[in-house]
């Protein structure tokens, strides 16, 4: 549906192959953290999806189409990390697919979520395509070595309360520093299983 709304059906005759390439990228390629393993995986799958260049072009084209719609501060560099995080987060959030973005400090994880929430404002969005999407509401939880299951549960309950409000905003739970929470003796991450299913 998203591709049709953004004009892909008119621009691309082989929509099924494009969708397959993008699905492969989002569901498999993005999960691989090693660049060497990514390259090997791309080489293995390329003959099945029309070649390496065709796959990369489909991904680049869709990313560019999405990214050009965002209002981003002129001092923010759209580097590879930010591009991947922003693109993947948007697709997953709008399709209500839980997404966990892992990475070292400074790899644009939090920045991507802030840009996403700042731009996806429902009818108040500046982009026509974004105006047809739900407004995102940022519900944040800061993980620490003292995190508790109760604190995590309260964050998700707050998000559920937003779902009951008028206007139908889409709450997005941002769990920052999940690695620190994992070190907590209170085992706060056990409650995540129920919410991610």
Protein backbone atom coordinates (compact mmCIF):
# COMPACT_ATOMS: atom_id res chain seq x y z
CA UNK A 1 0.00 0.00 0.00
CA UNK A 2 2.83 2.39 0.90
CA UNK A 3 4.47 1.89 -2.48
CA UNK A 4 1.19 2.62 -4.27
CA UNK A 5 0.63 5.77 -2.22
CA UNK A 6 4.09 6.99 -3.16
CA UNK A 7 3.58 6.38 -6.89
CA UNK A 8 5.61 3.21 -7.35
CA UNK A 9 2.98 1.44 -9.44
CA UNK A 10 3.28 4.09 -12.15
CA UNK A 11 7.08 4.22 -12.00
CA UNK A 12 7.93 0.55 -11.71
CA UNK A 13 6.53 -2.14 -13.99
CA UNK A 14 7.79 -5.07 -11.89
CA UNK A 15 6.36 -4.14 -8.51
CA UNK A 16 6.46 -7.72 -7.22
CA UNK A 17 10.20 -8.01 -7.73
CA UNK A 18 10.74 -4.60 -6.10
CA UNK A 19 8.64 -5.61 -3.10
CA UNK A 20 10.58 -8.88 -2.81
CA UNK A 21 13.91 -7.01 -2.87
CA UNK A 22 12.77 -4.55 -0.22
CA UNK A 23 11.31 -7.31 1.94
CA UNK A 24 14.57 -9.26 1.74
CA UNK A 25 16.48 -6.13 2.75
CA UNK A 26 14.24 -5.34 5.73
CA UNK A 27 13.71 -8.89 6.98
CA UNK A 28 17.14 -10.42 6.48
CA UNK A 29 19.91 -8.09 5.33
CA UNK A 30 19.29 -5.46 8.02
CA UNK A 31 19.67 -8.04 10.77
CA UNK A 32 23.28 -8.78 9.85
CA UNK A 33 25.75 -6.55 11.68
CA UNK A 34 28.94 -7.62 9.89
CA UNK A 35 29.65 -5.85 6.59
CA UNK A 36 31.54 -8.93 5.35
CA UNK A 37 28.57 -11.21 6.06
CA UNK A 38 26.21 -8.70 4.45
CA UNK A 39 28.33 -8.69 1.28
CA UNK A 40 28.43 -12.49 1.16
CA UNK A 41 24.68 -12.74 1.70
CA UNK A 42 24.02 -10.18 -1.04
CA UNK A 43 26.25 -12.13 -3.43
CA UNK A 44 24.36 -15.36 -2.65
CA UNK A 45 20.89 -13.88 -3.11
CA UNK A 46 21.65 -11.56 -6.05
CA UNK A 47 21.08 -14.14 -8.83
CA UNK A 48 17.59 -14.84 -7.47
CA UNK A 49 16.57 -11.17 -7.31
CA UNK A 50 17.88 -9.80 -10.59
CA UNK A 51 21.47 -9.03 -9.66
CA UNK A 52 23.38 -7.08 -7.04
CA UNK A 53 23.01 -3.70 -8.77
CA UNK A 54 19.25 -4.10 -9.21
CA UNK A 55 18.82 -4.97 -5.52
CA UNK A 56 20.96 -2.04 -4.38
CA UNK A 57 19.14 0.33 -6.74
CA UNK A 58 15.71 -0.74 -5.43
CA UNK A 59 16.85 -0.20 -1.85
CA UNK A 60 18.55 3.11 -2.59
CA UNK A 61 15.54 4.36 -4.54
CA UNK A 62 13.05 3.52 -1.79
CA UNK A 63 15.28 4.93 0.94
CA UNK A 64 15.71 8.16 -1.02
CA UNK A 65 11.98 8.41 -1.64
CA UNK A 66 11.30 8.06 2.09
CA UNK A 67 14.17 10.23 3.30
CA UNK A 68 13.38 13.18 1.01
CA UNK A 69 10.05 13.48 2.81
CA UNK A 70 11.65 14.13 6.20
CA UNK A 71 12.45 17.59 7.47
CA UNK A 72 15.93 17.14 8.89
CA UNK A 73 18.17 19.80 10.41
CA UNK A 74 20.71 21.02 7.85
CA UNK A 75 23.53 20.22 10.27
CA UNK A 76 22.49 16.56 10.48
CA UNK A 77 24.44 14.30 8.15
CA UNK A 78 22.41 11.52 6.56
CA UNK A 79 25.13 8.94 6.99
CA UNK A 80 24.66 5.21 6.43
CA UNK A 81 23.67 4.49 10.05
CA UNK A 82 21.07 7.24 10.21
CA UNK A 83 19.69 6.31 6.79
CA UNK A 84 19.30 2.63 7.70
CA UNK A 85 17.90 3.34 11.18
CA UNK A 86 15.40 5.93 9.96
CA UNK A 87 14.22 3.89 6.98
CA UNK A 88 13.89 0.61 8.87
CA UNK A 89 12.23 2.24 11.88
CA UNK A 90 9.65 4.01 9.76
CA UNK A 91 8.68 0.89 7.81
CA UNK A 92 8.45 -1.22 10.98
CA UNK A 93 6.60 1.36 13.07
CA UNK A 94 3.99 2.10 10.41
CA UNK A 95 3.39 -1.62 9.98
CA UNK A 96 3.31 -2.12 13.77
CA UNK A 97 6.28 -4.47 13.69
CA UNK A 98 8.48 -4.32 16.80
CA UNK A 99 11.96 -3.16 15.89
CA UNK A 100 15.06 -3.25 18.06
CA UNK A 101 17.95 -1.16 16.82
CA UNK A 102 21.24 -2.11 18.40
CA UNK A 103 24.51 -0.32 17.98
CA UNK A 104 27.39 1.45 19.60
CA UNK A 105 26.94 4.96 21.03
CA UNK A 106 26.83 7.56 18.27
CA UNK A 107 25.27 5.33 15.59
CA UNK A 108 22.14 7.49 15.28
CA UNK A 109 19.69 5.21 17.05
CA UNK A 110 18.07 7.90 19.21
CA UNK A 111 18.43 10.55 16.51
CA UNK A 112 16.51 8.39 14.04
CA UNK A 113 13.61 7.95 16.45
CA UNK A 114 13.50 11.68 17.20
CA UNK A 115 13.42 12.57 13.50
CA UNK A 116 10.69 9.99 12.92
CA UNK A 117 8.47 11.35 15.69
CA UNK A 118 9.12 14.97 14.65
CA UNK A 119 7.97 14.28 11.09
CA UNK A 120 5.16 11.74 11.44
CA UNK A 121 2.58 14.06 13.00
CA UNK A 122 -0.52 12.79 11.25
CA UNK A 123 -2.55 15.54 9.59
CA UNK A 124 -0.05 18.12 10.88
CA UNK A 125 2.85 16.60 8.93
CA UNK A 126 4.52 18.72 6.26
CA UNK A 127 4.65 15.89 3.68
CA UNK A 128 1.49 14.72 1.91
CA UNK A 129 2.33 11.02 2.33
CA UNK A 130 3.09 11.52 6.04
CA UNK A 131 -0.25 13.32 6.50
CA UNK A 132 -1.97 10.04 5.58
CA UNK A 133 -0.05 8.19 8.30
CA UNK A 134 -0.87 8.15 12.02
CA UNK A 135 0.68 10.64 14.39
CA UNK A 136 3.49 9.07 16.38
CA UNK A 137 3.78 9.62 20.12
CA UNK A 138 7.16 9.09 21.74
CA UNK A 139 6.97 7.02 24.97
CA UNK A 140 10.48 6.77 26.33
CA UNK A 141 12.12 4.49 28.87
CA UNK A 142 15.69 4.99 30.00
CA UNK A 143 17.28 1.68 30.87
CA UNK A 144 19.77 1.47 33.73
CA UNK A 145 21.34 -1.06 36.06
CA UNK A 146 18.54 -0.28 38.52
CA UNK A 147 15.65 -0.81 36.06
CA UNK A 148 12.75 -2.91 37.29
CA UNK A 149 10.01 -4.91 35.58
CA UNK A 150 7.49 -2.51 37.09
CA UNK A 151 9.16 0.48 35.43
CA UNK A 152 9.22 -1.20 32.03
CA UNK A 153 5.61 -2.32 32.45
CA UNK A 154 4.52 1.23 33.33
CA UNK A 155 6.12 2.50 30.11
CA UNK A 156 4.12 0.04 28.02
CA UNK A 157 0.93 0.82 29.97
CA UNK A 158 1.44 4.50 29.17
CA UNK A 159 1.73 3.60 25.48
CA UNK A 160 -1.49 1.55 25.69
CA UNK A 161 -3.28 4.55 27.23
CA UNK A 162 -2.38 6.61 24.15
CA UNK A 163 -4.13 4.02 21.98
CA UNK A 164 -7.37 4.76 23.82
CA UNK A 165 -7.29 8.50 23.14
CA UNK A 166 -9.17 10.21 20.35
CA UNK A 167 -7.28 11.03 17.20
CA UNK A 168 -5.71 7.56 17.10
CA UNK A 169 -2.05 8.43 17.65
CA UNK A 170 0.41 5.56 17.35
CA UNK A 171 2.61 5.29 20.44
CA UNK A 172 6.21 4.29 19.88
CA UNK A 173 8.10 2.89 22.86
CA UNK A 174 11.73 3.91 22.79
CA UNK A 175 13.77 1.78 25.19
CA UNK A 176 17.11 3.55 25.42
CA UNK A 177 20.14 1.75 26.89
CA UNK A 178 18.50 -1.67 26.93
CA UNK A 179 21.96 -3.15 27.52
CA UNK A 180 22.19 -1.40 30.90
CA UNK A 181 18.74 -2.66 31.88
CA UNK A 182 19.89 -6.17 31.00
CA UNK A 183 22.52 -5.85 33.75
CA UNK A 184 19.92 -5.05 36.39
CA UNK A 185 19.55 -7.66 39.16
CA UNK A 186 15.77 -7.12 38.96
CA UNK A 187 15.56 -8.82 35.52
CA UNK A 188 13.35 -6.08 34.01
CA UNK A 189 13.49 -7.37 30.44
CA UNK A 190 11.37 -10.43 31.17
CA UNK A 191 8.22 -8.35 30.66
CA UNK A 192 9.25 -7.49 27.10
CA UNK A 193 8.26 -10.91 25.77
CA UNK A 194 4.55 -10.25 26.27
CA UNK A 195 4.71 -6.84 24.60
CA UNK A 196 6.74 -7.92 21.57
CA UNK A 197 4.48 -10.82 20.61
